[in-house]
Amino acid sequence: MTYDKRFWQAIMALTLVLGGVWIWAFRVPDSSAGDHSVAPQKGFLAPDFVLSTLDGGRMRLSDLRGRPVLVNFWASWCGPCRAEMPHIQAAHEAHTGEGLIVVGVNQMESQATVAQFVNEFGLTFPVPLDRDGDVSDDYRARALPTSFFVDADGVIRDVVIGPMTSGLIESKLEAILPGGE
């Protein structure tokens, strides 16, 4: 009987240690006192990335500083992504003159699949390819679509998980476009 008790005590102790390590490893930095540490959530600097684009170029998020950015993580097989894409394209067209940059990060699909999707929806904004999923991991984009509204200083002002309508996009853009909040 003592063997069973010691075994379960060891399992409980190991669980507590592993839980503590998990919490420490995935903690979010403190953003008090205006410190905008990097984290994929509201009030923090957007994690920087460099990705190849569908047209063969390279895109670095930090090169877009000074302009508001909508970063959208999507995949062609994702029904909600397909539903929201016309609304994102419309926002891109409506607000390019105000400096808005839409960045549609594709999550781990072939270049041919992405090109077909871009042609199908007539997308005219940059489409970087997250071929290995590292950027999606950095942004903790576990559900698709996931969108980050980043202001001109590179700070995430809002995050939306799930599909967006035109009205929702417009309401979130108010916080990052010039003359907004």
N, C-alpha and C. Protein backbone atom coordinates (compact mmCIF):
# COMPACT_ATOMS: atom_id res chain seq x y z
N MET A 1 0.82 -1.19 0.00
CA MET A 1 0.00 0.00 0.00
C MET A 1 0.87 1.27 0.00
N THR A 2 2.02 1.25 0.68
CA THR A 2 2.91 2.42 0.69
C THR A 2 3.46 2.69 -0.70
N TYR A 3 3.66 1.63 -1.47
CA TYR A 3 4.16 1.83 -2.81
C TYR A 3 3.17 2.66 -3.63
N ASP A 4 1.89 2.34 -3.56
CA ASP A 4 0.87 3.10 -4.28
C ASP A 4 0.83 4.54 -3.83
N LYS A 5 0.93 4.78 -2.56
CA LYS A 5 0.88 6.15 -2.03
C LYS A 5 2.09 6.95 -2.50
N ARG A 6 3.29 6.37 -2.43
CA ARG A 6 4.49 7.08 -2.90
C ARG A 6 4.43 7.35 -4.40
N PHE A 7 3.94 6.37 -5.14
CA PHE A 7 3.82 6.54 -6.59
C PHE A 7 2.94 7.74 -6.93
N TRP A 8 1.78 7.84 -6.31
CA TRP A 8 0.86 8.93 -6.60
C TRP A 8 1.39 10.26 -6.08
N GLN A 9 2.12 10.25 -4.98
CA GLN A 9 2.74 11.48 -4.49
C GLN A 9 3.80 11.96 -5.48
N ALA A 10 4.56 11.03 -6.04
CA ALA A 10 5.57 11.40 -7.04
C ALA A 10 4.91 11.96 -8.30
N ILE A 11 3.82 11.35 -8.73
CA ILE A 11 3.10 11.84 -9.91
C ILE A 11 2.57 13.25 -9.65
N MET A 12 2.00 13.48 -8.47
CA MET A 12 1.47 14.81 -8.13
C MET A 12 2.60 15.84 -8.09
N ALA A 13 3.74 15.49 -7.49
CA ALA A 13 4.86 16.41 -7.42
C ALA A 13 5.38 16.74 -8.81
N LEU A 14 5.51 15.73 -9.65
CA LEU A 14 5.95 15.94 -11.03
C LEU A 14 4.97 16.83 -11.79
N THR A 15 3.69 16.62 -11.60
CA THR A 15 2.67 17.45 -12.24
C THR A 15 2.78 18.91 -11.81
N LEU A 16 2.98 19.14 -10.54
CA LEU A 16 3.14 20.51 -10.03
C LEU A 16 4.38 21.17 -10.60
N VAL A 17 5.48 20.44 -10.66
CA VAL A 17 6.73 21.00 -11.21
C VAL A 17 6.55 21.33 -12.69
N LEU A 18 6.01 20.39 -13.44
CA LEU A 18 5.79 20.64 -14.87
C LEU A 18 4.81 21.79 -15.10
N GLY A 19 3.77 21.88 -14.28
CA GLY A 19 2.83 23.00 -14.39
C GLY A 19 3.52 24.32 -14.13
N GLY A 20 4.38 24.37 -13.12
CA GLY A 20 5.13 25.59 -12.82
C GLY A 20 6.05 25.98 -13.96
N VAL A 21 6.74 25.01 -14.55
CA VAL A 21 7.62 25.27 -15.69
C VAL A 21 6.80 25.80 -16.87
N TRP A 22 5.64 25.21 -17.12
CA TRP A 22 4.75 25.66 -18.21
C TRP A 22 4.33 27.11 -18.01
N ILE A 23 3.89 27.43 -16.82
CA ILE A 23 3.45 28.80 -16.52
C ILE A 23 4.62 29.77 -16.68
N TRP A 24 5.78 29.42 -16.20
CA TRP A 24 6.94 30.31 -16.32
C TRP A 24 7.34 30.48 -17.78
N ALA A 25 7.35 29.39 -18.55
CA ALA A 25 7.81 29.45 -19.94
C ALA A 25 6.88 30.27 -20.82
N PHE A 26 5.58 30.27 -20.52
CA PHE A 26 4.63 30.96 -21.39
C PHE A 26 4.03 32.21 -20.74
N ARG A 27 4.75 32.76 -19.79
CA ARG A 27 4.28 33.97 -19.14
C ARG A 27 4.34 35.14 -20.12
N VAL A 28 3.53 36.14 -19.87
CA VAL A 28 3.49 37.33 -20.69
C VAL A 28 4.22 38.43 -19.95
N PRO A 29 5.13 39.15 -20.63
CA PRO A 29 5.86 40.22 -19.95
C PRO A 29 4.92 41.30 -19.43
N ASP A 30 5.32 41.98 -18.38
CA ASP A 30 4.54 43.06 -17.79
C ASP A 30 4.61 44.29 -18.70
N SER A 31 3.45 44.86 -19.01
CA SER A 31 3.43 46.02 -19.90
C SER A 31 3.15 47.31 -19.14
N SER A 32 3.33 47.31 -17.84
CA SER A 32 3.06 48.52 -17.06
C SER A 32 4.12 49.58 -17.34
N ALA A 33 3.81 50.81 -16.99
CA ALA A 33 4.72 51.95 -17.14
C ALA A 33 5.13 52.18 -18.58
N GLY A 34 4.22 51.88 -19.52
CA GLY A 34 4.49 52.19 -20.92
C GLY A 34 5.48 51.26 -21.58
N ASP A 35 5.92 50.21 -20.90
CA ASP A 35 6.85 49.25 -21.49
C ASP A 35 6.06 48.39 -22.46
N HIS A 36 6.34 48.53 -23.74
CA HIS A 36 5.63 47.74 -24.75
C HIS A 36 6.52 46.59 -25.18
N SER A 37 6.71 45.63 -24.27
CA SER A 37 7.48 44.44 -24.62
C SER A 37 6.78 43.71 -25.74
N VAL A 38 7.50 42.81 -26.38
CA VAL A 38 6.94 42.08 -27.51
C VAL A 38 6.09 40.90 -27.01
N ALA A 39 4.87 40.84 -27.47
CA ALA A 39 3.97 39.73 -27.18
C ALA A 39 2.80 39.81 -28.17
N PRO A 40 2.22 38.67 -28.52
CA PRO A 40 1.13 38.68 -29.49
C PRO A 40 -0.22 39.00 -28.85
N GLN A 41 -0.30 40.12 -28.15
CA GLN A 41 -1.57 40.51 -27.55
C GLN A 41 -1.67 42.02 -27.43
N LYS A 42 -2.87 42.46 -27.19
CA LYS A 42 -3.21 43.88 -27.11
C LYS A 42 -2.29 44.61 -26.13
N GLY A 43 -1.74 45.76 -26.57
CA GLY A 43 -0.91 46.59 -25.72
C GLY A 43 0.58 46.29 -25.81
N PHE A 44 0.96 45.27 -26.57
CA PHE A 44 2.36 44.88 -26.70
C PHE A 44 2.82 45.11 -28.15
N LEU A 45 4.14 45.25 -28.33
CA LEU A 45 4.68 45.34 -29.67
C LEU A 45 4.39 44.04 -30.42
N ALA A 46 4.05 44.17 -31.68
CA ALA A 46 3.81 43.00 -32.51
C ALA A 46 5.15 42.30 -32.75
N PRO A 47 5.21 40.99 -32.59
CA PRO A 47 6.45 40.27 -32.87
C PRO A 47 6.87 40.50 -34.33
N ASP A 48 8.14 40.79 -34.52
CA ASP A 48 8.64 41.03 -35.87
C ASP A 48 8.78 39.70 -36.61
N PHE A 49 8.70 39.76 -37.92
CA PHE A 49 8.93 38.57 -38.73
C PHE A 49 9.45 38.98 -40.09
N VAL A 50 10.11 38.05 -40.73
CA VAL A 50 10.55 38.19 -42.12
C VAL A 50 10.06 36.95 -42.84
N LEU A 51 9.26 37.15 -43.88
CA LEU A 51 8.71 36.03 -44.65
C LEU A 51 8.81 36.32 -46.14
N SER A 52 8.91 35.27 -46.92
CA SER A 52 8.84 35.41 -48.38
C SER A 52 7.39 35.69 -48.74
N THR A 53 7.20 36.51 -49.76
CA THR A 53 5.85 36.82 -50.21
C THR A 53 5.50 35.99 -51.44
N LEU A 54 4.25 35.94 -51.75
CA LEU A 54 3.77 35.17 -52.88
C LEU A 54 4.43 35.62 -54.18
N ASP A 55 4.71 36.92 -54.30
CA ASP A 55 5.31 37.44 -55.54
C ASP A 55 6.83 37.28 -55.58
N GLY A 56 7.40 36.57 -54.59
CA GLY A 56 8.84 36.31 -54.61
C GLY A 56 9.67 37.29 -53.81
N GLY A 57 9.05 38.31 -53.25
CA GLY A 57 9.79 39.27 -52.43
C GLY A 57 9.92 38.78 -50.99
N ARG A 58 10.39 39.69 -50.14
CA ARG A 58 10.49 39.40 -48.72
C ARG A 58 9.82 40.53 -47.96
N MET A 59 9.17 40.20 -46.88
CA MET A 59 8.48 41.20 -46.07
C MET A 59 8.94 41.09 -44.63
N ARG A 60 9.32 42.26 -44.07
CA ARG A 60 9.67 42.37 -42.66
C ARG A 60 8.64 43.29 -42.03
N LEU A 61 7.95 42.79 -41.01
CA LEU A 61 6.90 43.59 -40.38
C LEU A 61 7.43 44.92 -39.87
N SER A 62 8.60 44.92 -39.26
CA SER A 62 9.13 46.16 -38.68
C SER A 62 9.42 47.22 -39.74
N ASP A 63 9.56 46.83 -41.01
CA ASP A 63 9.74 47.81 -42.09
C ASP A 63 8.47 48.62 -42.33
N LEU A 64 7.34 48.18 -41.78
CA LEU A 64 6.07 48.88 -41.98
C LEU A 64 5.78 49.87 -40.86
N ARG A 65 6.72 50.01 -39.91
CA ARG A 65 6.50 50.97 -38.81
C ARG A 65 6.23 52.35 -39.40
N GLY A 66 5.37 53.08 -38.73
CA GLY A 66 4.96 54.38 -39.23
C GLY A 66 3.63 54.31 -39.97
N ARG A 67 3.16 53.10 -40.20
CA ARG A 67 1.88 52.90 -40.89
C ARG A 67 1.03 51.91 -40.10
N PRO A 68 -0.29 52.08 -40.11
CA PRO A 68 -1.16 51.10 -39.46
C PRO A 68 -1.18 49.81 -40.28
N VAL A 69 -1.22 48.67 -39.57
CA VAL A 69 -1.14 47.38 -40.25
C VAL A 69 -2.22 46.44 -39.70
N LEU A 70 -2.87 45.75 -40.59
CA LEU A 70 -3.78 44.66 -40.23
C LEU A 70 -3.08 43.37 -40.66
N VAL A 71 -2.69 42.55 -39.68
CA VAL A 71 -2.05 41.26 -39.95
C VAL A 71 -3.11 40.19 -39.76
N ASN A 72 -3.37 39.45 -40.83
CA ASN A 72 -4.41 38.42 -40.82
C ASN A 72 -3.78 37.07 -41.13
N PHE A 73 -3.97 36.09 -40.23
CA PHE A 73 -3.50 34.73 -40.44
C PHE A 73 -4.65 33.91 -41.01
N TRP A 74 -4.41 33.19 -42.12
CA TRP A 74 -5.47 32.49 -42.81
C TRP A 74 -4.92 31.26 -43.53
N ALA A 75 -5.83 30.43 -44.03
CA ALA A 75 -5.50 29.30 -44.89
C ALA A 75 -6.67 29.10 -45.86
N SER A 76 -6.38 28.58 -47.04
CA SER A 76 -7.42 28.45 -48.07
C SER A 76 -8.49 27.41 -47.70
N TRP A 77 -8.13 26.43 -46.91
CA TRP A 77 -9.09 25.39 -46.51
C TRP A 77 -10.04 25.85 -45.41
N CYS A 78 -9.78 27.00 -44.83
CA CYS A 78 -10.54 27.53 -43.69
C CYS A 78 -11.78 28.26 -44.19
N GLY A 79 -12.96 27.70 -43.93
CA GLY A 79 -14.22 28.32 -44.37
C GLY A 79 -14.41 29.73 -43.86
N PRO A 80 -14.21 29.99 -42.56
CA PRO A 80 -14.35 31.35 -42.05
C PRO A 80 -13.36 32.33 -42.69
N CYS A 81 -12.16 31.84 -43.03
CA CYS A 81 -11.17 32.69 -43.71
C CYS A 81 -11.70 33.11 -45.08
N ARG A 82 -12.29 32.16 -45.77
CA ARG A 82 -12.85 32.44 -47.09
C ARG A 82 -14.00 33.45 -46.97
N ALA A 83 -14.80 33.32 -45.92
CA ALA A 83 -15.94 34.22 -45.74
C ALA A 83 -15.50 35.65 -45.46
N GLU A 84 -14.43 35.83 -44.70
CA GLU A 84 -14.01 37.18 -44.32
C GLU A 84 -13.11 37.86 -45.36
N MET A 85 -12.50 37.09 -46.25
CA MET A 85 -11.50 37.66 -47.15
C MET A 85 -12.04 38.79 -48.03
N PRO A 86 -13.26 38.71 -48.57
CA PRO A 86 -13.76 39.86 -49.35
C PRO A 86 -13.87 41.13 -48.49
N HIS A 87 -14.19 40.99 -47.20
CA HIS A 87 -14.28 42.15 -46.31
C HIS A 87 -12.90 42.76 -46.04
N ILE A 88 -11.90 41.89 -45.92
CA ILE A 88 -10.53 42.38 -45.71
C ILE A 88 -10.04 43.09 -46.96
N GLN A 89 -10.30 42.52 -48.14
CA GLN A 89 -9.91 43.17 -49.39
C GLN A 89 -10.59 44.52 -49.53
N ALA A 90 -11.87 44.60 -49.17
CA ALA A 90 -12.60 45.87 -49.25
C ALA A 90 -11.99 46.91 -48.30
N ALA A 91 -11.60 46.49 -47.10
CA ALA A 91 -10.96 47.42 -46.15
C ALA A 91 -9.62 47.89 -46.70
N HIS A 92 -8.89 46.98 -47.31
CA HIS A 92 -7.61 47.35 -47.95
C HIS A 92 -7.83 48.43 -49.01
N GLU A 93 -8.79 48.20 -49.87
CA GLU A 93 -9.07 49.17 -50.93
C GLU A 93 -9.55 50.50 -50.38
N ALA A 94 -10.39 50.45 -49.34
CA ALA A 94 -10.97 51.68 -48.79
C ALA A 94 -9.98 52.52 -48.00
N HIS A 95 -8.95 51.89 -47.40
CA HIS A 95 -8.09 52.63 -46.47
C HIS A 95 -6.62 52.70 -46.87
N THR A 96 -6.29 52.25 -48.07
CA THR A 96 -4.90 52.37 -48.53
C THR A 96 -4.46 53.82 -48.55
N GLY A 97 -5.35 54.71 -48.93
CA GLY A 97 -5.03 56.14 -48.97
C GLY A 97 -4.74 56.73 -47.60
N GLU A 98 -5.19 56.07 -46.55
CA GLU A 98 -4.92 56.51 -45.18
C GLU A 98 -3.67 55.84 -44.62
N GLY A 99 -2.99 55.08 -45.46
CA GLY A 99 -1.75 54.44 -45.04
C GLY A 99 -1.88 53.01 -44.57
N LEU A 100 -3.09 52.45 -44.55
CA LEU A 100 -3.27 51.09 -44.06
C LEU A 100 -2.55 50.08 -44.95
N ILE A 101 -1.85 49.17 -44.28
CA ILE A 101 -1.23 48.04 -44.95
C ILE A 101 -1.92 46.77 -44.42
N VAL A 102 -2.46 45.98 -45.32
CA VAL A 102 -3.02 44.69 -44.94
C VAL A 102 -1.98 43.64 -45.30
N VAL A 103 -1.70 42.76 -44.36
CA VAL A 103 -0.73 41.68 -44.57
C VAL A 103 -1.47 40.37 -44.31
N GLY A 104 -1.67 39.59 -45.35
CA GLY A 104 -2.40 38.33 -45.23
C GLY A 104 -1.44 37.16 -45.14
N VAL A 105 -1.08 36.75 -43.94
CA VAL A 105 -0.10 35.69 -43.73
C VAL A 105 -0.76 34.33 -43.92
N ASN A 106 -0.33 33.62 -44.97
CA ASN A 106 -0.87 32.29 -45.20
C ASN A 106 -0.14 31.29 -44.31
N GLN A 107 -0.91 30.38 -43.75
CA GLN A 107 -0.35 29.41 -42.82
C GLN A 107 -0.10 28.06 -43.49
N MET A 108 1.14 27.81 -43.82
CA MET A 108 1.68 26.51 -44.22
C MET A 108 1.01 25.84 -45.42
N GLU A 109 0.79 26.60 -46.47
CA GLU A 109 0.26 26.01 -47.70
C GLU A 109 1.24 26.23 -48.84
N SER A 110 1.09 25.46 -49.90
CA SER A 110 1.99 25.58 -51.05
C SER A 110 1.76 26.91 -51.77
N GLN A 111 2.78 27.33 -52.46
CA GLN A 111 2.70 28.59 -53.21
C GLN A 111 1.59 28.51 -54.26
N ALA A 112 1.43 27.35 -54.90
CA ALA A 112 0.40 27.19 -55.92
C ALA A 112 -1.00 27.32 -55.32
N THR A 113 -1.22 26.72 -54.16
CA THR A 113 -2.52 26.80 -53.48
C THR A 113 -2.83 28.23 -53.09
N VAL A 114 -1.82 28.93 -52.57
CA VAL A 114 -2.01 30.32 -52.16
C VAL A 114 -2.29 31.20 -53.38
N ALA A 115 -1.55 30.99 -54.46
CA ALA A 115 -1.75 31.79 -55.68
C ALA A 115 -3.17 31.60 -56.22
N GLN A 116 -3.66 30.38 -56.19
CA GLN A 116 -5.03 30.11 -56.66
C GLN A 116 -6.05 30.86 -55.81
N PHE A 117 -5.85 30.84 -54.48
CA PHE A 117 -6.76 31.54 -53.56
C PHE A 117 -6.71 33.05 -53.81
N VAL A 118 -5.52 33.60 -53.94
CA VAL A 118 -5.35 35.04 -54.18
C VAL A 118 -6.05 35.45 -55.47
N ASN A 119 -5.90 34.65 -56.52
CA ASN A 119 -6.58 34.93 -57.79
C ASN A 119 -8.09 34.82 -57.67
N GLU A 120 -8.55 33.79 -56.97
CA GLU A 120 -9.99 33.58 -56.79
C GLU A 120 -10.66 34.77 -56.11
N PHE A 121 -9.99 35.35 -55.11
CA PHE A 121 -10.57 36.46 -54.35
C PHE A 121 -10.10 37.83 -54.82
N GLY A 122 -9.22 37.88 -55.81
CA GLY A 122 -8.73 39.15 -56.34
C GLY A 122 -7.99 39.98 -55.30
N LEU A 123 -7.18 39.31 -54.48
CA LEU A 123 -6.47 40.02 -53.40
C LEU A 123 -5.32 40.84 -53.96
N THR A 124 -5.21 42.07 -53.48
CA THR A 124 -4.16 42.98 -53.97
C THR A 124 -3.21 43.42 -52.86
N PHE A 125 -3.36 42.88 -51.68
CA PHE A 125 -2.45 43.21 -50.58
C PHE A 125 -1.35 42.14 -50.49
N PRO A 126 -0.25 42.45 -49.78
CA PRO A 126 0.85 41.49 -49.68
C PRO A 126 0.42 40.20 -48.97
N VAL A 127 0.91 39.07 -49.49
CA VAL A 127 0.60 37.76 -48.92
C VAL A 127 1.91 37.02 -48.63
N PRO A 128 2.42 37.18 -47.40
CA PRO A 128 3.62 36.42 -47.01
C PRO A 128 3.25 34.97 -46.69
N LEU A 129 4.23 34.09 -46.89
CA LEU A 129 4.00 32.65 -46.73
C LEU A 129 4.72 32.15 -45.48
N ASP A 130 3.95 31.73 -44.50
CA ASP A 130 4.50 31.15 -43.28
C ASP A 130 4.60 29.65 -43.49
N ARG A 131 5.60 29.24 -44.27
CA ARG A 131 5.71 27.85 -44.73
C ARG A 131 5.87 26.83 -43.61
N ASP A 132 6.61 27.19 -42.57
CA ASP A 132 6.87 26.23 -41.48
C ASP A 132 6.02 26.49 -40.24
N GLY A 133 5.21 27.55 -40.26
CA GLY A 133 4.32 27.85 -39.14
C GLY A 133 4.98 28.56 -37.98
N ASP A 134 6.24 28.96 -38.11
CA ASP A 134 6.94 29.62 -37.00
C ASP A 134 6.32 30.97 -36.63
N VAL A 135 5.94 31.76 -37.63
CA VAL A 135 5.34 33.07 -37.33
C VAL A 135 3.96 32.88 -36.69
N SER A 136 3.19 31.94 -37.20
CA SER A 136 1.89 31.63 -36.58
C SER A 136 2.09 31.22 -35.12
N ASP A 137 3.13 30.45 -34.86
CA ASP A 137 3.44 30.06 -33.48
C ASP A 137 3.82 31.27 -32.64
N ASP A 138 4.66 32.16 -33.20
CA ASP A 138 5.05 33.38 -32.48
C ASP A 138 3.84 34.22 -32.10
N TYR A 139 2.85 34.23 -32.97
CA TYR A 139 1.63 35.02 -32.74
C TYR A 139 0.55 34.21 -32.01
N ARG A 140 0.86 32.98 -31.72
CA ARG A 140 -0.09 32.08 -31.05
C ARG A 140 -1.42 32.01 -31.80
N ALA A 141 -1.32 31.99 -33.11
CA ALA A 141 -2.50 31.91 -33.98
C ALA A 141 -2.92 30.45 -34.06
N ARG A 142 -3.64 30.00 -33.05
CA ARG A 142 -4.06 28.60 -32.95
C ARG A 142 -5.36 28.34 -33.69
N ALA A 143 -6.15 29.38 -33.88
CA ALA A 143 -7.41 29.27 -34.62
C ALA A 143 -7.33 30.19 -35.82
N LEU A 144 -7.94 29.76 -36.91
CA LEU A 144 -7.96 30.60 -38.10
C LEU A 144 -9.39 30.98 -38.41
N PRO A 145 -9.59 32.19 -38.88
CA PRO A 145 -8.61 33.27 -39.00
C PRO A 145 -8.34 33.95 -37.66
N THR A 146 -7.17 34.56 -37.57
CA THR A 146 -6.82 35.41 -36.44
C THR A 146 -6.22 36.69 -37.01
N SER A 147 -6.68 37.83 -36.50
CA SER A 147 -6.24 39.13 -37.02
C SER A 147 -5.71 40.02 -35.91
N PHE A 148 -4.64 40.75 -36.23
CA PHE A 148 -4.00 41.68 -35.30
C PHE A 148 -4.04 43.07 -35.92
N PHE A 149 -4.56 44.04 -35.16
CA PHE A 149 -4.62 45.43 -35.60
C PHE A 149 -3.48 46.16 -34.93
N VAL A 150 -2.48 46.56 -35.73
CA VAL A 150 -1.22 47.10 -35.23
C VAL A 150 -1.14 48.58 -35.60
N ASP A 151 -0.87 49.44 -34.60
CA ASP A 151 -0.81 50.88 -34.89
C ASP A 151 0.54 51.25 -35.53
N ALA A 152 0.71 52.52 -35.87
CA ALA A 152 1.91 52.99 -36.56
C ALA A 152 3.17 52.83 -35.72
N ASP A 153 3.03 52.71 -34.41
CA ASP A 153 4.19 52.50 -33.53
C ASP A 153 4.53 51.02 -33.38
N GLY A 154 3.77 50.15 -34.02
CA GLY A 154 4.03 48.71 -33.95
C GLY A 154 3.36 48.02 -32.78
N VAL A 155 2.45 48.73 -32.09
CA VAL A 155 1.77 48.18 -30.92
C VAL A 155 0.43 47.56 -31.36
N ILE A 156 0.18 46.36 -30.88
CA ILE A 156 -1.09 45.70 -31.17
C ILE A 156 -2.19 46.40 -30.39
N ARG A 157 -3.19 46.91 -31.10
CA ARG A 157 -4.31 47.61 -30.46
C ARG A 157 -5.53 46.73 -30.29
N ASP A 158 -5.61 45.66 -31.08
CA ASP A 158 -6.71 44.73 -30.92
C ASP A 158 -6.39 43.41 -31.60
N VAL A 159 -7.04 42.35 -31.15
CA VAL A 159 -6.90 41.02 -31.72
C VAL A 159 -8.30 40.45 -31.91
N VAL A 160 -8.54 39.88 -33.07
CA VAL A 160 -9.82 39.23 -33.33
C VAL A 160 -9.55 37.80 -33.76
N ILE A 161 -10.13 36.87 -33.03
CA ILE A 161 -10.04 35.45 -33.37
C ILE A 161 -11.37 35.06 -33.96
N GLY A 162 -11.34 34.60 -35.20
CA GLY A 162 -12.56 34.24 -35.90
C GLY A 162 -12.81 35.19 -37.05
N PRO A 163 -13.83 34.90 -37.83
CA PRO A 163 -14.09 35.71 -39.03
C PRO A 163 -14.62 37.09 -38.69
N MET A 164 -14.27 38.05 -39.55
CA MET A 164 -14.70 39.44 -39.36
C MET A 164 -15.62 39.87 -40.49
N THR A 165 -16.58 40.70 -40.13
CA THR A 165 -17.44 41.36 -41.12
C THR A 165 -16.84 42.72 -41.43
N SER A 166 -17.36 43.39 -42.43
CA SER A 166 -16.89 44.73 -42.76
C SER A 166 -17.07 45.68 -41.58
N GLY A 167 -18.22 45.57 -40.91
CA GLY A 167 -18.49 46.44 -39.77
C GLY A 167 -17.50 46.23 -38.64
N LEU A 168 -17.16 44.99 -38.34
CA LEU A 168 -16.19 44.71 -37.29
C LEU A 168 -14.81 45.23 -37.67
N ILE A 169 -14.40 45.00 -38.90
CA ILE A 169 -13.10 45.49 -39.36
C ILE A 169 -13.03 47.00 -39.22
N GLU A 170 -14.06 47.69 -39.69
CA GLU A 170 -14.08 49.16 -39.61
C GLU A 170 -13.99 49.64 -38.17
N SER A 171 -14.69 48.98 -37.27
CA SER A 171 -14.66 49.41 -35.86
C SER A 171 -13.27 49.21 -35.26
N LYS A 172 -12.58 48.18 -35.65
CA LYS A 172 -11.22 47.93 -35.12
C LYS A 172 -10.20 48.84 -35.78
N LEU A 173 -10.41 49.21 -37.04
CA LEU A 173 -9.49 50.10 -37.73
C LEU A 173 -9.48 51.51 -37.13
N GLU A 174 -10.57 51.90 -36.50
CA GLU A 174 -10.63 53.23 -35.89
C GLU A 174 -9.50 53.47 -34.91
N ALA A 175 -9.06 52.42 -34.23
CA ALA A 175 -8.01 52.55 -33.22
C ALA A 175 -6.61 52.70 -33.81
N ILE A 176 -6.45 52.33 -35.09
CA ILE A 176 -5.10 52.39 -35.66
C ILE A 176 -4.94 53.37 -36.83
N LEU A 177 -6.05 53.78 -37.42
CA LEU A 177 -5.94 54.71 -38.55
C LEU A 177 -5.73 56.14 -38.05
N PRO A 178 -5.08 56.96 -38.85
CA PRO A 178 -4.90 58.37 -38.46
C PRO A 178 -6.26 59.03 -38.18
N GLY A 179 -6.33 59.78 -37.12
CA GLY A 179 -7.58 60.45 -36.76
C GLY A 179 -8.52 59.56 -35.98
N GLY A 180 -8.08 58.31 -35.70
CA GLY A 180 -8.92 57.39 -34.93
C GLY A 180 -8.81 57.74 -33.45
N GLU A 181 -9.01 56.74 -32.61
CA GLU A 181 -9.01 56.95 -31.15
C GLU A 181 -7.78 57.61 -30.71
